[in-house]
Amino acid sequence: MTIENVCVSKAMLDKIRYWQEDENIGLLEDIKTIDDAITFIACEHDDPGMLSEKESLSLIAALSFVKKRLRTFTGKENQQ
């Protein structure tokens, strides 16, 4: 599987929501983890063996989308 084939389906998001629908704290922890991953990818893409800049940007965009969707479940979709 290549980075171009990575996509987040509605079914994946539904499973996340079902798993944590009564546990907003879990969702907020997931959002923090996504933020940490985005920061790591953004800072480390120049290191040998890491993703190329294009792959890093694609992955950051995908993670940002997931983060935005998770925020809709917590009612915080307008926050950064």
Protein backbone atom coordinates (compact mmCIF):
# COMPACT_ATOMS: atom_id res chain seq x y z
CA MET A 1 0.00 0.00 0.00
CA THR A 2 1.33 3.43 -0.90
CA ILE A 3 0.58 6.74 0.75
CA GLU A 4 -1.60 7.65 -2.25
CA ASN A 5 -3.89 4.70 -1.42
CA VAL A 6 -4.49 5.81 2.17
CA CYS A 7 -8.02 7.03 2.72
CA VAL A 8 -10.34 7.36 5.65
CA SER A 9 -13.74 5.85 4.99
CA LYS A 10 -17.04 6.75 6.57
CA ALA A 11 -17.13 3.22 8.02
CA MET A 12 -13.83 3.85 9.84
CA LEU A 13 -15.15 7.07 11.32
CA ASP A 14 -18.41 5.37 12.31
CA LYS A 15 -16.45 2.68 14.17
CA ILE A 16 -14.43 5.33 16.00
CA ARG A 17 -17.60 7.17 16.95
CA TYR A 18 -19.38 3.98 18.06
CA TRP A 19 -16.38 2.93 20.12
CA GLN A 20 -16.25 6.26 21.94
CA GLU A 21 -19.69 7.79 21.56
CA ASP A 22 -20.22 8.03 25.33
CA GLU A 23 -16.64 8.93 26.10
CA ASN A 24 -15.71 12.43 24.90
CA ILE A 25 -12.50 12.29 26.92
CA GLY A 26 -11.36 9.43 24.69
CA LEU A 27 -12.12 11.46 21.59
CA LEU A 28 -10.21 14.44 22.96
CA GLU A 29 -7.23 12.16 23.67
CA ASP A 30 -7.43 10.86 20.09
CA ILE A 31 -7.41 14.42 18.76
CA LYS A 32 -4.32 15.22 20.88
CA THR A 33 -2.61 12.09 19.53
CA ILE A 34 -3.40 13.16 15.96
CA ASP A 35 -1.98 16.63 16.72
CA ASP A 36 1.20 15.01 18.05
CA ALA A 37 1.50 12.83 14.93
CA ILE A 38 1.03 15.83 12.63
CA THR A 39 3.73 17.76 14.52
CA PHE A 40 6.13 14.81 14.37
CA ILE A 41 5.57 14.29 10.65
CA ALA A 42 5.94 18.01 9.92
CA CYS A 43 9.21 18.26 11.87
CA GLU A 44 10.83 14.97 10.85
CA HIS A 45 10.11 14.61 7.12
CA ASP A 46 13.68 15.67 6.21
CA ASP A 47 15.30 12.79 8.11
CA PRO A 48 16.63 9.89 6.03
CA GLY A 49 14.22 6.98 5.96
CA MET A 50 11.21 9.14 6.70
CA LEU A 51 8.48 10.06 4.26
CA SER A 52 9.15 12.42 1.38
CA GLU A 53 7.82 15.95 1.70
CA LYS A 54 4.94 15.10 -0.66
CA GLU A 55 4.07 11.98 1.34
CA SER A 56 4.31 13.95 4.59
CA LEU A 57 1.93 16.62 3.31
CA SER A 58 -0.53 13.97 2.07
CA LEU A 59 -0.48 12.19 5.42
CA ILE A 60 -0.85 15.47 7.34
CA ALA A 61 -3.86 16.34 5.16
CA ALA A 62 -5.45 12.93 5.85
CA LEU A 63 -4.82 13.21 9.61
CA SER A 64 -6.20 16.76 9.62
CA PHE A 65 -9.37 15.47 7.96
CA VAL A 66 -9.75 12.73 10.60
CA LYS A 67 -9.13 15.31 13.34
CA LYS A 68 -11.82 17.59 11.90
CA ARG A 69 -14.31 14.71 11.74
CA LEU A 70 -13.53 13.69 15.34
CA ARG A 71 -14.12 17.28 16.44
CA THR A 72 -17.64 17.13 14.99
CA PHE A 73 -18.37 14.28 17.40
CA THR A 74 -17.25 16.39 20.37
CA GLY A 75 -19.06 19.55 19.24
CA LYS A 76 -15.73 21.35 18.81
CA GLU A 77 -15.54 21.41 15.02
CA ASN A 78 -14.76 25.15 14.93
CA GLN A 79 -11.73 24.91 17.23
CA GLN A 80 -8.14 24.43 16.07
